[in-house]
């Protein structure tokens, strides 16, 4: 499966952005999908995950209550709605696909990755 992330940009603190990740290739609905982010000088970290049906969602503690993940399997797209953004949310955001149904926050468990989209939050 090929993944294409988009929707990043520059936003002021407390603003909102919606990231999209469009998938092509193998059956999108066969994968759990995740969002990760990586800030300069830091390791890639888990942000959120959604099950293949969309019925289960998971969030990192740092974004819970501010970010929402959802998917549209008919459009082969997963989204990350980011509200109340903070400067510490600044990073390159990546979408990823996991064939396994077993929940994981480790980037090593995800088989396919998008190219990343930059999110910059100014104070």
N, C-alpha and C. Protein backbone atom coordinates (compact mmCIF):
# COMPACT_ATOMS: atom_id res chain seq x y z
N UNK A 1 0.84 -1.18 0.00
CA UNK A 1 0.00 0.00 0.00
C UNK A 1 0.88 1.24 0.00
N UNK A 2 0.49 2.24 -0.78
CA UNK A 2 1.21 3.51 -0.83
C UNK A 2 0.41 4.56 -0.07
N UNK A 3 1.11 5.36 0.72
CA UNK A 3 0.46 6.37 1.55
C UNK A 3 0.96 7.75 1.20
N UNK A 4 0.05 8.71 1.15
CA UNK A 4 0.39 10.09 0.83
C UNK A 4 -0.25 10.99 1.87
N UNK A 5 0.58 11.60 2.71
CA UNK A 5 0.09 12.50 3.75
C UNK A 5 0.06 13.93 3.24
N UNK A 6 -0.91 14.69 3.72
CA UNK A 6 -1.03 16.09 3.33
C UNK A 6 -1.78 16.85 4.42
N UNK A 7 -1.79 18.18 4.28
CA UNK A 7 -2.57 19.00 5.19
C UNK A 7 -1.77 19.77 6.22
N UNK A 8 -0.46 19.56 6.26
CA UNK A 8 0.35 20.30 7.21
C UNK A 8 0.46 21.76 6.84
N UNK A 9 1.06 22.52 7.75
CA UNK A 9 1.24 23.94 7.49
C UNK A 9 1.65 24.67 8.73
N UNK A 10 1.58 25.99 8.64
CA UNK A 10 1.94 26.87 9.75
C UNK A 10 0.66 27.39 10.37
N UNK A 11 0.54 27.26 11.69
CA UNK A 11 -0.65 27.70 12.39
C UNK A 11 -0.25 28.31 13.72
N UNK A 12 -1.04 29.24 14.20
CA UNK A 12 -0.78 29.84 15.50
C UNK A 12 -1.27 28.90 16.61
N UNK A 13 -0.69 29.07 17.78
CA UNK A 13 -1.11 28.29 18.95
C UNK A 13 -2.61 28.45 19.15
N UNK A 14 -3.24 27.36 19.57
CA UNK A 14 -4.69 27.25 19.76
C UNK A 14 -5.46 27.10 18.44
N UNK A 15 -4.73 27.08 17.34
CA UNK A 15 -5.39 26.88 16.06
C UNK A 15 -5.63 25.41 15.77
N UNK A 16 -6.13 25.15 14.55
CA UNK A 16 -6.48 23.78 14.16
C UNK A 16 -5.94 23.46 12.78
N UNK A 17 -5.68 22.18 12.58
CA UNK A 17 -5.31 21.66 11.27
C UNK A 17 -5.93 20.28 11.12
N UNK A 18 -6.19 19.88 9.88
CA UNK A 18 -6.64 18.52 9.61
C UNK A 18 -5.66 17.88 8.64
N UNK A 19 -5.04 16.83 9.06
CA UNK A 19 -4.15 16.07 8.20
C UNK A 19 -4.93 14.95 7.51
N UNK A 20 -4.53 14.66 6.30
CA UNK A 20 -5.13 13.57 5.55
C UNK A 20 -4.04 12.61 5.10
N UNK A 21 -4.41 11.37 4.97
CA UNK A 21 -3.49 10.36 4.46
C UNK A 21 -4.27 9.48 3.49
N UNK A 22 -3.95 9.63 2.22
CA UNK A 22 -4.63 8.86 1.19
C UNK A 22 -3.83 7.61 0.84
N UNK A 23 -4.53 6.50 0.75
CA UNK A 23 -3.88 5.22 0.48
C UNK A 23 -4.25 4.70 -0.89
N UNK A 24 -3.32 4.05 -1.51
CA UNK A 24 -3.59 3.38 -2.78
C UNK A 24 -2.90 2.03 -2.76
N UNK A 25 -3.30 1.17 -3.64
CA UNK A 25 -2.68 -0.16 -3.69
C UNK A 25 -3.58 -1.20 -3.06
N UNK A 26 -3.07 -1.91 -2.09
CA UNK A 26 -3.82 -3.00 -1.49
C UNK A 26 -4.97 -2.47 -0.64
N UNK A 27 -5.82 -3.32 -0.21
CA UNK A 27 -7.07 -2.96 0.43
C UNK A 27 -6.82 -2.15 1.70
N UNK A 28 -7.24 -0.90 1.66
CA UNK A 28 -7.04 0.02 2.77
C UNK A 28 -7.71 -0.48 4.03
N UNK A 29 -8.89 -1.03 3.90
CA UNK A 29 -9.65 -1.47 5.07
C UNK A 29 -9.07 -2.71 5.74
N UNK A 30 -8.01 -3.26 5.21
CA UNK A 30 -7.33 -4.40 5.82
C UNK A 30 -6.26 -3.98 6.82
N UNK A 31 -6.08 -2.67 6.99
CA UNK A 31 -5.00 -2.17 7.84
C UNK A 31 -5.53 -1.29 8.95
N UNK A 32 -4.96 -1.47 10.14
CA UNK A 32 -5.07 -0.44 11.15
C UNK A 32 -4.13 0.69 10.72
N UNK A 33 -4.51 1.92 11.05
CA UNK A 33 -3.72 3.06 10.61
C UNK A 33 -3.26 3.87 11.82
N UNK A 34 -2.07 4.44 11.69
CA UNK A 34 -1.54 5.24 12.78
C UNK A 34 -0.96 6.55 12.28
N UNK A 35 -0.86 7.48 13.20
CA UNK A 35 -0.14 8.74 12.97
C UNK A 35 1.01 8.81 13.96
N UNK A 36 2.14 9.22 13.48
CA UNK A 36 3.33 9.45 14.29
C UNK A 36 3.86 10.84 13.98
N UNK A 37 4.75 11.31 14.83
CA UNK A 37 5.39 12.59 14.56
C UNK A 37 6.84 12.54 15.01
N UNK A 38 7.62 13.39 14.38
CA UNK A 38 9.04 13.47 14.72
C UNK A 38 9.49 14.91 14.69
N UNK A 39 9.91 15.40 15.84
CA UNK A 39 10.45 16.74 15.95
C UNK A 39 11.96 16.68 15.75
N UNK A 40 12.57 17.81 15.37
CA UNK A 40 14.03 17.82 15.14
C UNK A 40 14.80 17.36 16.37
N UNK A 41 15.70 16.42 16.17
CA UNK A 41 16.53 15.93 17.25
C UNK A 41 15.87 14.93 18.17
N UNK A 42 14.63 14.55 17.84
CA UNK A 42 13.89 13.62 18.70
C UNK A 42 13.52 12.36 17.92
N UNK A 43 13.19 11.33 18.66
CA UNK A 43 12.75 10.10 18.03
C UNK A 43 11.31 10.22 17.55
N UNK A 44 10.96 9.38 16.59
CA UNK A 44 9.59 9.34 16.11
C UNK A 44 8.68 8.83 17.23
N UNK A 45 7.58 9.51 17.46
CA UNK A 45 6.70 9.13 18.55
C UNK A 45 5.27 8.89 18.07
N UNK A 46 4.61 7.99 18.77
CA UNK A 46 3.23 7.64 18.49
C UNK A 46 2.31 8.81 18.81
N UNK A 47 1.34 9.04 17.94
CA UNK A 47 0.32 10.06 18.17
C UNK A 47 -1.06 9.42 18.34
N UNK A 48 -1.44 8.58 17.37
CA UNK A 48 -2.79 8.04 17.40
C UNK A 48 -2.87 6.82 16.49
N UNK A 49 -3.89 6.01 16.75
CA UNK A 49 -4.12 4.81 15.95
C UNK A 49 -5.61 4.57 15.85
N UNK A 50 -6.03 3.99 14.70
CA UNK A 50 -7.42 3.64 14.51
C UNK A 50 -7.50 2.24 13.91
N UNK A 51 -8.46 1.47 14.40
CA UNK A 51 -8.63 0.11 13.89
C UNK A 51 -9.16 0.14 12.46
N UNK A 52 -9.07 -1.01 11.79
CA UNK A 52 -9.45 -1.04 10.37
C UNK A 52 -10.93 -0.73 10.16
N UNK A 53 -11.77 -1.05 11.12
CA UNK A 53 -13.18 -0.72 10.99
C UNK A 53 -13.50 0.71 11.41
N UNK A 54 -12.56 1.33 12.10
CA UNK A 54 -12.79 2.66 12.66
C UNK A 54 -13.45 2.63 14.03
N UNK A 55 -13.72 1.44 14.53
CA UNK A 55 -14.45 1.33 15.78
C UNK A 55 -13.63 1.57 17.03
N UNK A 56 -12.31 1.48 16.91
CA UNK A 56 -11.42 1.68 18.06
C UNK A 56 -10.37 2.72 17.73
N UNK A 57 -10.16 3.62 18.67
CA UNK A 57 -9.15 4.66 18.49
C UNK A 57 -8.29 4.76 19.75
N UNK A 58 -7.06 5.20 19.55
CA UNK A 58 -6.09 5.30 20.64
C UNK A 58 -5.30 6.59 20.45
N UNK A 59 -4.91 7.18 21.58
CA UNK A 59 -4.20 8.45 21.52
C UNK A 59 -3.06 8.47 22.53
N UNK A 60 -2.01 9.16 22.17
CA UNK A 60 -0.96 9.46 23.14
C UNK A 60 -1.52 10.43 24.16
N UNK A 61 -1.01 10.34 25.37
CA UNK A 61 -1.51 11.19 26.43
C UNK A 61 -1.37 12.67 26.13
N UNK A 62 -0.33 13.02 25.38
CA UNK A 62 -0.05 14.43 25.10
C UNK A 62 -1.06 15.06 24.14
N UNK A 63 -1.82 14.24 23.42
CA UNK A 63 -2.75 14.79 22.44
C UNK A 63 -4.20 14.43 22.75
N UNK A 64 -4.41 13.58 23.74
CA UNK A 64 -5.77 13.14 24.07
C UNK A 64 -6.65 14.33 24.43
N UNK A 65 -7.82 14.36 23.86
CA UNK A 65 -8.72 15.47 24.09
C UNK A 65 -8.56 16.63 23.12
N UNK A 66 -7.45 16.63 22.38
CA UNK A 66 -7.21 17.71 21.41
C UNK A 66 -7.22 17.18 19.98
N UNK A 67 -6.75 15.96 19.78
CA UNK A 67 -6.68 15.37 18.44
C UNK A 67 -7.75 14.30 18.30
N UNK A 68 -8.22 14.13 17.06
CA UNK A 68 -9.18 13.06 16.75
C UNK A 68 -8.75 12.36 15.48
N UNK A 69 -8.76 11.05 15.51
CA UNK A 69 -8.44 10.26 14.32
C UNK A 69 -9.73 9.62 13.81
N UNK A 70 -9.90 9.63 12.50
CA UNK A 70 -11.04 8.95 11.90
C UNK A 70 -10.67 8.57 10.48
N UNK A 71 -11.46 7.68 9.91
CA UNK A 71 -11.14 7.18 8.59
C UNK A 71 -12.41 7.03 7.76
N UNK A 72 -12.20 7.09 6.46
CA UNK A 72 -13.27 6.86 5.49
C UNK A 72 -12.77 5.76 4.56
N UNK A 73 -13.20 4.54 4.80
CA UNK A 73 -12.70 3.42 4.00
C UNK A 73 -13.17 3.49 2.55
N UNK A 74 -14.28 4.14 2.31
CA UNK A 74 -14.76 4.29 0.93
C UNK A 74 -13.84 5.22 0.13
N UNK A 75 -13.17 6.14 0.83
CA UNK A 75 -12.25 7.07 0.18
C UNK A 75 -10.79 6.69 0.40
N UNK A 76 -10.56 5.56 1.07
CA UNK A 76 -9.19 5.11 1.34
C UNK A 76 -8.36 6.20 2.02
N UNK A 77 -8.94 6.85 2.99
CA UNK A 77 -8.29 7.99 3.62
C UNK A 77 -8.46 7.94 5.13
N UNK A 78 -7.39 8.26 5.83
CA UNK A 78 -7.44 8.44 7.29
C UNK A 78 -7.09 9.89 7.58
N UNK A 79 -7.72 10.43 8.61
CA UNK A 79 -7.57 11.84 8.95
C UNK A 79 -7.08 11.99 10.39
N UNK A 80 -6.44 13.11 10.64
CA UNK A 80 -6.09 13.49 12.01
C UNK A 80 -6.51 14.95 12.19
N UNK A 81 -7.58 15.14 12.94
CA UNK A 81 -8.05 16.48 13.26
C UNK A 81 -7.31 16.95 14.51
N UNK A 82 -6.60 18.06 14.37
CA UNK A 82 -5.79 18.58 15.46
C UNK A 82 -6.32 19.93 15.89
N UNK A 83 -6.79 20.02 17.12
CA UNK A 83 -7.32 21.25 17.68
C UNK A 83 -6.47 21.71 18.85
N UNK A 84 -6.63 22.95 19.22
CA UNK A 84 -5.89 23.53 20.36
C UNK A 84 -4.40 23.23 20.25
N UNK A 85 -3.86 23.49 19.09
CA UNK A 85 -2.46 23.16 18.85
C UNK A 85 -1.53 23.97 19.72
N UNK A 86 -0.43 23.34 20.08
CA UNK A 86 0.58 23.95 20.93
C UNK A 86 1.92 23.97 20.19
N UNK A 87 2.81 24.88 20.56
CA UNK A 87 4.13 24.89 19.89
C UNK A 87 4.84 23.54 19.99
N UNK A 88 4.62 22.81 21.05
CA UNK A 88 5.28 21.50 21.21
C UNK A 88 4.70 20.43 20.28
N UNK A 89 3.64 20.75 19.57
CA UNK A 89 3.12 19.84 18.55
C UNK A 89 3.88 19.97 17.22
N UNK A 90 4.77 20.93 17.14
CA UNK A 90 5.54 21.14 15.92
C UNK A 90 6.39 19.91 15.62
N UNK A 91 6.22 19.37 14.42
CA UNK A 91 6.93 18.15 14.01
C UNK A 91 6.55 17.82 12.58
N UNK A 92 7.26 16.86 12.03
CA UNK A 92 6.81 16.22 10.80
C UNK A 92 5.88 15.07 11.19
N UNK A 93 4.70 15.05 10.61
CA UNK A 93 3.71 14.04 10.92
C UNK A 93 3.67 12.99 9.81
N UNK A 94 3.67 11.74 10.23
CA UNK A 94 3.66 10.62 9.31
C UNK A 94 2.44 9.74 9.55
N UNK A 95 1.85 9.25 8.47
CA UNK A 95 0.85 8.21 8.60
C UNK A 95 1.50 6.86 8.29
N UNK A 96 0.93 5.82 8.86
CA UNK A 96 1.52 4.49 8.71
C UNK A 96 0.42 3.44 8.76
N UNK A 97 0.67 2.31 8.15
CA UNK A 97 -0.29 1.21 8.08
C UNK A 97 0.27 -0.03 8.75
N UNK A 98 -0.57 -0.68 9.53
CA UNK A 98 -0.19 -1.89 10.27
C UNK A 98 -1.12 -3.03 9.89
N UNK A 99 -0.57 -4.10 9.34
CA UNK A 99 -1.37 -5.26 8.97
C UNK A 99 -1.93 -5.98 10.20
N UNK A 100 -1.18 -5.97 11.28
CA UNK A 100 -1.59 -6.70 12.47
C UNK A 100 -2.74 -5.99 13.17
N UNK A 101 -3.63 -6.76 13.78
CA UNK A 101 -4.70 -6.18 14.57
C UNK A 101 -4.26 -5.90 16.00
N UNK A 102 -3.05 -6.34 16.34
CA UNK A 102 -2.55 -6.15 17.70
C UNK A 102 -2.12 -4.71 17.88
N UNK A 103 -2.64 -4.07 18.89
CA UNK A 103 -2.35 -2.65 19.14
C UNK A 103 -0.86 -2.47 19.41
N UNK A 104 -0.29 -1.46 18.80
CA UNK A 104 1.11 -1.14 19.02
C UNK A 104 1.36 0.34 18.85
N UNK A 105 2.24 0.89 19.69
CA UNK A 105 2.69 2.27 19.55
C UNK A 105 4.10 2.33 18.98
N UNK A 106 4.66 1.19 18.67
CA UNK A 106 6.03 1.16 18.16
C UNK A 106 6.06 1.36 16.66
N UNK A 107 6.85 2.31 16.18
CA UNK A 107 6.96 2.49 14.72
C UNK A 107 7.43 1.23 14.01
N UNK A 108 8.16 0.38 14.70
CA UNK A 108 8.70 -0.82 14.08
C UNK A 108 7.62 -1.83 13.67
N UNK A 109 6.43 -1.68 14.22
CA UNK A 109 5.34 -2.63 13.93
C UNK A 109 4.52 -2.23 12.71
N UNK A 110 4.78 -1.07 12.16
CA UNK A 110 4.01 -0.58 11.02
C UNK A 110 4.78 -0.84 9.73
N UNK A 111 4.09 -1.42 8.78
CA UNK A 111 4.77 -1.89 7.56
C UNK A 111 4.94 -0.82 6.49
N UNK A 112 4.00 0.10 6.40
CA UNK A 112 4.03 1.08 5.33
C UNK A 112 3.94 2.49 5.91
N UNK A 113 4.66 3.41 5.24
CA UNK A 113 4.75 4.77 5.74
C UNK A 113 4.52 5.78 4.62
N UNK A 114 3.89 6.88 4.98
CA UNK A 114 3.80 8.00 4.08
C UNK A 114 5.05 8.86 4.19
N UNK A 115 5.12 9.89 3.39
CA UNK A 115 6.33 10.70 3.28
C UNK A 115 6.44 11.78 4.35
N UNK A 116 5.39 12.05 5.09
CA UNK A 116 5.44 13.06 6.13
C UNK A 116 4.95 14.41 5.66
N UNK A 117 4.35 15.14 6.57
CA UNK A 117 3.90 16.51 6.30
C UNK A 117 4.25 17.37 7.50
N UNK A 118 4.80 18.54 7.23
CA UNK A 118 5.30 19.41 8.30
C UNK A 118 4.17 20.19 8.95
N UNK A 119 4.15 20.16 10.27
CA UNK A 119 3.23 20.98 11.06
C UNK A 119 4.07 21.89 11.94
N UNK A 120 3.84 23.19 11.82
CA UNK A 120 4.56 24.16 12.62
C UNK A 120 3.56 25.03 13.37
N UNK A 121 3.69 25.06 14.68
CA UNK A 121 2.78 25.83 15.52
C UNK A 121 3.57 26.97 16.16
N UNK A 122 3.17 28.19 15.87
CA UNK A 122 3.86 29.36 16.40
C UNK A 122 3.18 29.83 17.69
N UNK A 123 3.99 30.37 18.58
CA UNK A 123 3.45 30.84 19.86
C UNK A 123 2.99 32.28 19.78
